[in-house]
Protein backbone atom coordinates (compact mmCIF):
# COMPACT_ATOMS: atom_id res chain seq x y z
CA UNK A 1 18.76 16.32 -87.21
CA UNK A 2 19.11 12.60 -87.91
CA UNK A 3 22.42 12.60 -85.98
CA UNK A 4 20.75 14.27 -82.98
CA UNK A 5 17.90 11.76 -83.06
CA UNK A 6 20.41 8.92 -83.23
CA UNK A 7 22.30 10.33 -80.25
CA UNK A 8 19.11 10.57 -78.20
CA UNK A 9 18.12 7.02 -79.06
CA UNK A 10 21.61 5.79 -78.20
CA UNK A 11 21.55 7.66 -74.87
CA UNK A 12 18.12 6.30 -73.98
CA UNK A 13 19.24 2.78 -74.87
CA UNK A 14 22.31 3.08 -72.65
CA UNK A 15 20.20 4.42 -69.76
CA UNK A 16 17.68 1.60 -70.17
CA UNK A 17 20.44 -0.99 -70.18
CA UNK A 18 22.04 0.55 -67.10
CA UNK A 19 18.71 0.72 -65.30
CA UNK A 20 18.07 -2.92 -66.13
CA UNK A 21 21.56 -3.84 -64.92
CA UNK A 22 20.92 -1.96 -61.67
CA UNK A 23 17.55 -3.64 -61.30
CA UNK A 24 19.09 -7.03 -61.95
CA UNK A 25 21.89 -6.24 -59.49
CA UNK A 26 19.41 -5.29 -56.76
CA UNK A 27 17.32 -8.39 -57.41
CA UNK A 28 20.43 -10.56 -57.08
CA UNK A 29 21.42 -8.88 -53.83
CA UNK A 30 17.92 -9.21 -52.38
CA UNK A 31 17.81 -12.86 -53.40
CA UNK A 32 21.16 -13.47 -51.71
CA UNK A 33 19.91 -11.69 -48.59
CA UNK A 34 16.86 -13.99 -48.50
CA UNK A 35 19.08 -17.07 -48.86
CA UNK A 36 21.27 -15.91 -45.98
CA UNK A 37 18.22 -15.17 -43.82
CA UNK A 38 16.76 -18.61 -44.43
CA UNK A 39 20.11 -20.16 -43.56
CA UNK A 40 20.24 -18.22 -40.28
CA UNK A 41 23.22 -16.12 -41.34
CA UNK A 42 21.72 -12.83 -40.25
CA UNK A 43 24.85 -10.68 -40.50
CA UNK A 44 25.46 -11.69 -44.09
CA UNK A 45 21.80 -11.03 -44.89
CA UNK A 46 22.19 -7.54 -43.44
CA UNK A 47 25.26 -6.86 -45.58
CA UNK A 48 23.44 -7.85 -48.79
CA UNK A 49 20.48 -5.64 -47.86
CA UNK A 50 22.83 -2.72 -47.23
CA UNK A 51 24.40 -3.28 -50.65
CA UNK A 52 20.96 -3.39 -52.27
CA UNK A 53 19.82 -0.04 -50.84
CA UNK A 54 23.22 1.45 -51.66
CA UNK A 55 22.55 0.60 -55.31
CA UNK A 56 19.03 2.05 -55.16
CA UNK A 57 18.07 3.95 -51.96
CA UNK A 58 14.52 4.44 -53.25
CA UNK A 59 13.57 0.77 -52.99
CA UNK A 60 10.99 0.96 -50.23
CA UNK A 61 10.62 -2.78 -49.67
CA UNK A 62 14.39 -3.18 -49.49
CA UNK A 63 14.62 -0.36 -46.91
CA UNK A 64 11.90 -2.06 -44.84
CA UNK A 65 13.72 -5.38 -45.02
CA UNK A 66 16.94 -3.64 -44.00
CA UNK A 67 15.22 -2.00 -41.04
CA UNK A 68 13.69 -5.25 -39.82
CA UNK A 69 16.96 -7.14 -40.28
CA UNK A 70 18.88 -4.43 -38.40
CA UNK A 71 16.44 -4.74 -35.48
CA UNK A 72 17.07 -8.49 -35.39
CA UNK A 73 20.76 -7.72 -34.96
CA UNK A 74 20.07 -4.91 -32.47
CA UNK A 75 21.53 -2.28 -34.78
CA UNK A 76 18.83 0.21 -33.91
CA UNK A 77 20.38 3.35 -35.40
CA UNK A 78 20.69 1.63 -38.76
CA UNK A 79 17.11 0.35 -38.47
CA UNK A 80 15.76 3.77 -37.60
CA UNK A 81 17.49 5.42 -40.55
CA UNK A 82 16.10 2.79 -42.92
CA UNK A 83 12.55 3.29 -41.68
CA UNK A 84 12.90 7.08 -41.83
CA UNK A 85 13.82 6.74 -45.52
CA UNK A 86 10.64 4.74 -45.99
CA UNK A 87 8.63 7.47 -44.27
CA UNK A 88 10.23 10.17 -46.41
CA UNK A 89 8.62 8.47 -49.40
CA UNK A 90 5.53 6.98 -47.74
CA UNK A 91 4.63 9.07 -44.65
CA UNK A 92 1.77 6.78 -43.60
CA UNK A 93 3.61 3.48 -43.80
CA UNK A 94 2.41 1.73 -40.64
CA UNK A 95 5.34 -0.69 -40.39
CA UNK A 96 7.89 2.12 -40.54
CA UNK A 97 5.93 4.31 -38.09
CA UNK A 98 5.54 1.50 -35.58
CA UNK A 99 9.21 0.60 -35.65
CA UNK A 100 10.44 4.20 -35.38
CA UNK A 101 8.00 4.67 -32.47
CA UNK A 102 9.28 1.58 -30.70
CA UNK A 103 12.94 2.49 -31.19
CA UNK A 104 12.36 6.08 -30.01
CA UNK A 105 10.42 4.82 -27.00
CA UNK A 106 13.02 2.22 -26.03
CA UNK A 107 15.78 4.83 -26.17
CA UNK A 108 13.73 7.33 -24.14
CA UNK A 109 13.36 9.81 -26.99
CA UNK A 110 10.02 10.87 -25.57
CA UNK A 111 9.20 13.75 -27.95
CA UNK A 112 9.93 11.55 -30.96
CA UNK A 113 7.88 8.70 -29.52
CA UNK A 114 4.92 11.04 -29.11
CA UNK A 115 5.30 12.39 -32.65
CA UNK A 116 5.40 8.99 -34.36
CA UNK A 117 2.92 7.47 -31.93
CA UNK A 118 0.30 10.07 -32.79
CA UNK A 119 0.87 9.56 -36.51
CA UNK A 120 0.43 5.82 -36.07
CA UNK A 121 -2.61 6.29 -33.85
CA UNK A 122 -4.29 8.42 -36.53
CA UNK A 123 -4.10 5.36 -38.82
CA UNK A 124 -5.64 3.10 -36.14
CA UNK A 125 -2.58 0.89 -36.49
CA UNK A 126 0.07 -0.52 -34.17
CA UNK A 127 0.26 -2.23 -30.80
CA UNK A 128 0.48 -0.55 -27.38
CA UNK A 129 0.46 2.89 -28.96
CA UNK A 130 -1.65 4.55 -26.24
CA UNK A 131 0.65 3.10 -23.57
CA UNK A 132 3.81 4.38 -25.26
CA UNK A 133 2.39 7.85 -25.89
CA UNK A 134 1.01 8.00 -22.33
CA UNK A 135 4.28 6.94 -20.76
CA UNK A 136 6.23 9.38 -22.94
CA UNK A 137 4.08 12.26 -21.73
CA UNK A 138 4.43 10.94 -18.15
CA UNK A 139 8.22 11.02 -18.40
CA UNK A 140 7.96 14.61 -19.62
CA UNK A 141 5.73 15.35 -16.59
CA UNK A 142 2.83 16.40 -18.81
CA UNK A 143 0.28 14.58 -16.70
CA UNK A 144 -2.76 16.06 -18.44
CA UNK A 145 -1.82 14.53 -21.79
CA UNK A 146 -0.38 11.44 -20.16
CA UNK A 147 -3.55 10.54 -18.30
CA UNK A 148 -5.63 10.93 -21.47
CA UNK A 149 -3.65 8.23 -23.26
CA UNK A 150 -3.14 6.08 -20.18
CA UNK A 151 -6.90 5.89 -19.65
CA UNK A 152 -7.22 4.32 -23.10
CA UNK A 153 -4.19 2.11 -22.41
CA UNK A 154 -5.74 0.84 -19.18
CA UNK A 155 -8.72 -0.48 -21.11
CA UNK A 156 -6.42 -2.15 -23.63
CA UNK A 157 -3.98 -3.56 -21.05
CA UNK A 158 -5.89 -4.16 -17.79
CA UNK A 159 -3.09 -6.33 -16.37
CA UNK A 160 -0.30 -3.84 -17.01
CA UNK A 161 0.63 -2.75 -13.48
CA UNK A 162 2.75 0.12 -14.77
CA UNK A 163 -0.33 2.04 -15.96
CA UNK A 164 -2.09 2.53 -12.59
CA UNK A 165 1.35 3.05 -11.05
CA UNK A 166 2.00 6.00 -13.39
CA UNK A 167 -1.40 7.45 -12.48
CA UNK A 168 -0.55 7.11 -8.77
CA UNK A 169 2.91 8.65 -9.07
CA UNK A 170 1.69 11.50 -11.25
CA UNK A 171 -1.13 12.30 -8.80
CA UNK A 172 1.36 12.13 -5.93
CA UNK A 173 3.58 14.57 -7.76
CA UNK A 174 0.62 16.94 -7.92
CA UNK A 175 -0.09 16.40 -4.19
CA UNK A 176 -3.41 14.74 -5.00
CA UNK A 177 -2.74 12.05 -2.43
CA UNK A 178 -6.27 10.73 -1.98
CA UNK A 179 -6.66 9.99 -5.69
CA UNK A 180 -3.15 8.52 -5.77
CA UNK A 181 -4.07 5.93 -3.12
CA UNK A 182 -6.91 4.65 -5.31
CA UNK A 183 -4.54 3.94 -8.17
CA UNK A 184 -1.94 2.32 -5.89
CA UNK A 185 -4.67 0.01 -4.63
CA UNK A 186 -5.65 -0.78 -8.24
CA UNK A 187 -2.04 -1.61 -9.03
CA UNK A 188 -1.80 -3.85 -5.97
CA UNK A 189 -4.82 -5.80 -7.19
CA UNK A 190 -2.62 -6.83 -10.11
CA UNK A 191 0.38 -7.70 -7.90
CA UNK A 192 -0.29 -7.73 -4.16
CA UNK A 193 3.33 -8.69 -3.45
CA UNK A 194 4.87 -5.60 -5.01
CA UNK A 195 6.80 -4.23 -2.03
CA UNK A 196 7.86 -1.04 -3.82
CA UNK A 197 4.24 -0.05 -4.37
CA UNK A 198 3.33 -1.01 -0.79
CA UNK A 199 6.04 1.34 0.47
CA UNK A 200 4.94 4.14 -1.86
CA UNK A 201 1.35 3.69 -0.72
CA UNK A 202 2.49 3.91 2.90
CA UNK A 203 4.32 7.16 2.21
CA UNK A 204 1.22 8.51 0.46
CA UNK A 205 -0.97 7.77 3.47
CA UNK A 206 1.65 9.43 5.65
CA UNK A 207 1.45 12.52 3.44
CA UNK A 208 -2.29 12.53 4.16
CA UNK A 209 -1.54 12.32 7.92
CA UNK A 210 -3.25 8.93 8.03
CA UNK A 211 -0.38 7.42 9.95
CA UNK A 212 -2.18 4.30 11.19
CA UNK A 213 -2.84 3.21 7.61
CA UNK A 214 0.71 4.23 6.68
CA UNK A 215 2.08 1.90 9.37
CA UNK A 216 -0.08 -0.92 8.02
CA UNK A 217 1.41 -0.64 4.54
CA UNK A 218 4.97 -0.05 5.75
CA UNK A 219 4.71 -3.30 7.67
CA UNK A 220 3.24 -5.08 4.64
CA UNK A 221 6.12 -3.78 2.54
CA UNK A 222 8.57 -5.28 5.04
CA UNK A 223 6.69 -8.59 5.03
CA UNK A 224 6.96 -8.71 1.23
CA UNK A 225 10.71 -8.15 1.34
CA UNK A 226 11.15 -4.41 0.93
CA UNK A 227 14.72 -3.37 1.71
CA UNK A 228 14.74 -1.97 5.23
CA UNK A 229 17.30 0.78 4.77
CA UNK A 230 17.82 3.83 6.95
CA UNK A 231 15.28 5.96 5.11
CA UNK A 232 12.63 3.28 5.48
CA UNK A 233 13.31 2.90 9.20
CA UNK A 234 13.10 6.65 9.72
CA UNK A 235 9.81 6.88 7.80
CA UNK A 236 8.28 3.96 9.66
CA UNK A 237 9.42 5.18 13.07
CA UNK A 238 7.95 8.63 12.42
CA UNK A 239 4.65 7.03 11.45
CA UNK A 240 4.68 4.85 14.58
CA UNK A 241 5.08 7.97 16.73
CA UNK A 242 2.39 9.93 14.87
CA UNK A 243 0.04 6.92 14.99
CA UNK A 244 0.19 6.80 18.78
CA UNK A 245 2.96 4.21 19.19
CA UNK A 246 5.75 6.51 20.40
CA UNK A 247 7.86 3.91 22.22
CA UNK A 248 8.05 1.71 19.15
CA UNK A 249 8.93 4.65 16.93
CA UNK A 250 11.51 6.23 19.23
CA UNK A 251 13.21 2.87 19.79
CA UNK A 252 13.57 2.41 16.02
CA UNK A 253 15.06 5.89 15.67
CA UNK A 254 17.52 5.28 18.51
CA UNK A 255 18.67 2.00 16.96
CA UNK A 256 19.15 3.81 13.67
CA UNK A 257 21.07 6.54 15.46
CA UNK A 258 23.51 3.92 16.78
CA UNK A 259 24.49 3.29 13.17
CA UNK A 260 24.54 6.99 12.24
CA UNK A 261 25.60 8.87 15.37
CA UNK A 262 26.74 11.96 13.48
CA UNK A 263 23.60 12.37 11.38
CA UNK A 264 22.32 15.86 12.23
CA UNK A 265 19.00 15.37 10.45
CA UNK A 266 18.37 12.19 12.41
CA UNK A 267 19.36 13.82 15.70
CA UNK A 268 16.94 16.65 14.95
CA UNK A 269 14.26 14.09 14.14
CA UNK A 270 14.72 12.32 17.49
CA UNK A 271 14.71 15.64 19.35
CA UNK A 272 11.62 16.84 17.47
CA UNK A 273 9.73 13.71 18.38
CA UNK A 274 10.70 13.90 22.05
CA UNK A 275 9.53 17.52 22.00
CA UNK A 276 6.18 16.57 20.48
CA UNK A 277 5.78 13.87 23.12
CA UNK A 278 6.48 16.36 25.91
CA UNK A 279 9.76 14.74 26.96
CA UNK A 280 11.64 18.04 27.02
CA UNK A 281 14.73 16.81 28.89
CA UNK A 282 15.43 14.16 26.24
CA UNK A 283 14.72 16.69 23.49
CA UNK A 284 17.34 19.02 25.03
CA UNK A 285 19.77 16.11 25.22
CA UNK A 286 19.56 15.44 21.47
CA UNK A 287 19.57 19.09 20.44
CA UNK A 288 22.71 19.49 22.55
CA UNK A 289 24.24 16.73 20.41
CA UNK A 290 23.27 18.71 17.30
CA UNK A 291 25.00 21.81 18.68
CA UNK A 292 28.07 19.76 19.55
CA UNK A 293 28.34 18.83 15.87
CA UNK A 294 27.39 22.27 14.53
CA UNK A 295 27.60 25.32 16.81
CA UNK A 296 25.85 27.40 14.16
CA UNK A 297 22.66 25.30 14.23
CA UNK A 298 20.45 28.14 15.46
CA UNK A 299 17.20 26.19 15.27
CA UNK A 300 18.50 23.59 17.75
CA UNK A 301 19.39 26.38 20.18
CA UNK A 302 15.97 27.97 19.70
CA UNK A 303 14.22 24.67 20.40
CA UNK A 304 16.29 24.13 23.55
CA UNK A 305 15.01 27.53 24.67
CA UNK A 306 11.45 26.40 23.92
CA UNK A 307 12.01 23.28 26.01
CA UNK A 308 13.06 25.38 29.02
CA UNK A 309 9.98 27.57 28.55
CA UNK A 310 7.83 24.43 28.49
CA UNK A 311 9.49 23.21 31.68
CA UNK A 312 8.71 26.53 33.39
CA UNK A 313 12.08 28.30 33.19
CA UNK A 314 10.84 31.11 30.95
CA UNK A 315 13.75 33.45 31.65
CA UNK A 316 16.43 30.96 30.56
CA UNK A 317 14.29 29.82 27.66
CA UNK A 318 13.70 33.34 26.37
CA UNK A 319 17.43 34.13 26.64
CA UNK A 320 18.32 31.09 24.54
CA UNK A 321 15.57 31.81 21.99
CA UNK A 322 16.75 35.41 21.60
CA UNK A 323 20.34 34.26 21.17
CA UNK A 324 19.19 31.84 18.44
CA UNK A 325 17.26 34.65 16.72
CA UNK A 326 20.41 36.78 16.74
CA UNK A 327 22.15 33.91 14.95
CA UNK A 328 19.29 33.36 12.50
CA UNK A 329 16.74 36.23 12.28
CA UNK A 330 14.30 34.01 10.33
CA UNK A 331 13.50 32.26 13.62
CA UNK A 332 11.82 35.43 14.82
CA UNK A 333 8.64 34.36 13.02
CA UNK A 334 8.12 31.56 15.56
CA UNK A 335 7.65 33.98 18.43
CA UNK A 336 4.05 34.52 17.34
CA UNK A 337 3.34 30.79 17.07
CA UNK A 338 2.11 29.12 20.21
CA UNK A 339 4.70 26.64 21.39
CA UNK A 340 7.21 27.47 18.68
CA UNK A 341 7.63 25.75 15.30
CA UNK A 342 5.35 22.82 16.16
CA UNK A 343 2.51 24.80 17.63
CA UNK A 344 2.89 22.75 20.81
């Protein structure tokens, strides 16, 4: 019995000595890490911190220091793993939650950002938490949840233009154009020179068939330096025509067509607009160009038939329309619509 007791005492002594040696070793490593940090040698500091947590992974303060040091050196995976080890031991550690949230958010891990953001929010800790949760839900197209957090974020960050912009784009995505315009206008109060938002607002007004206001904001977007590419020109020209400025709009489309003479969509657009304006001969001219490029374009043939009907040659027009319907039976539905596809 005495021998057994002696063995136990010896074992406990050895374990105590080893634990003390480990503790001393960790303390030395952490001290060296601090010296390296103070000297500005961040990589060496990181190495000492990694050695310290390798000796004892359960040292929470050392794991936090490792995580923060890894962020300084942009080693985000290492930082995240360190903070997750902290959270495994202390689930409500605000520093670890905030850093895992930020890393997840920055790397577009939206579900993770929401998870850690909500945990941090429940502690009433952290910065920009409502914004990050709201944007994460926005990116997942869960606008109901997104708007709930973005409303709180808007109160916290009234100068953050991205918040009303997300409201506007989400509402646009849900075809709630009128509400979207209000948020675009709020965003433009923060930055009236933002040409991207001016263009988006113009397109929103166009979606509401308020083409005069659309033209106003398209022109403002141009004034503020928005890139006038082919899509922009086509959108603006269509709005000019719909707003009662057909010559200006058609001229823009024709100039664009000079650069893209084989663009079937653009040719159809020009023809459609001439048709709407009652210039049936020019409409036929451009739909002929469509058929030259694609003989199977049944809609173009149908619309040429409609033009002849409009010009009084109902026999020729009906023949062409019937031929187009033979090519594409779905066009048959337009027979019952006055004036064809455009109700004209």
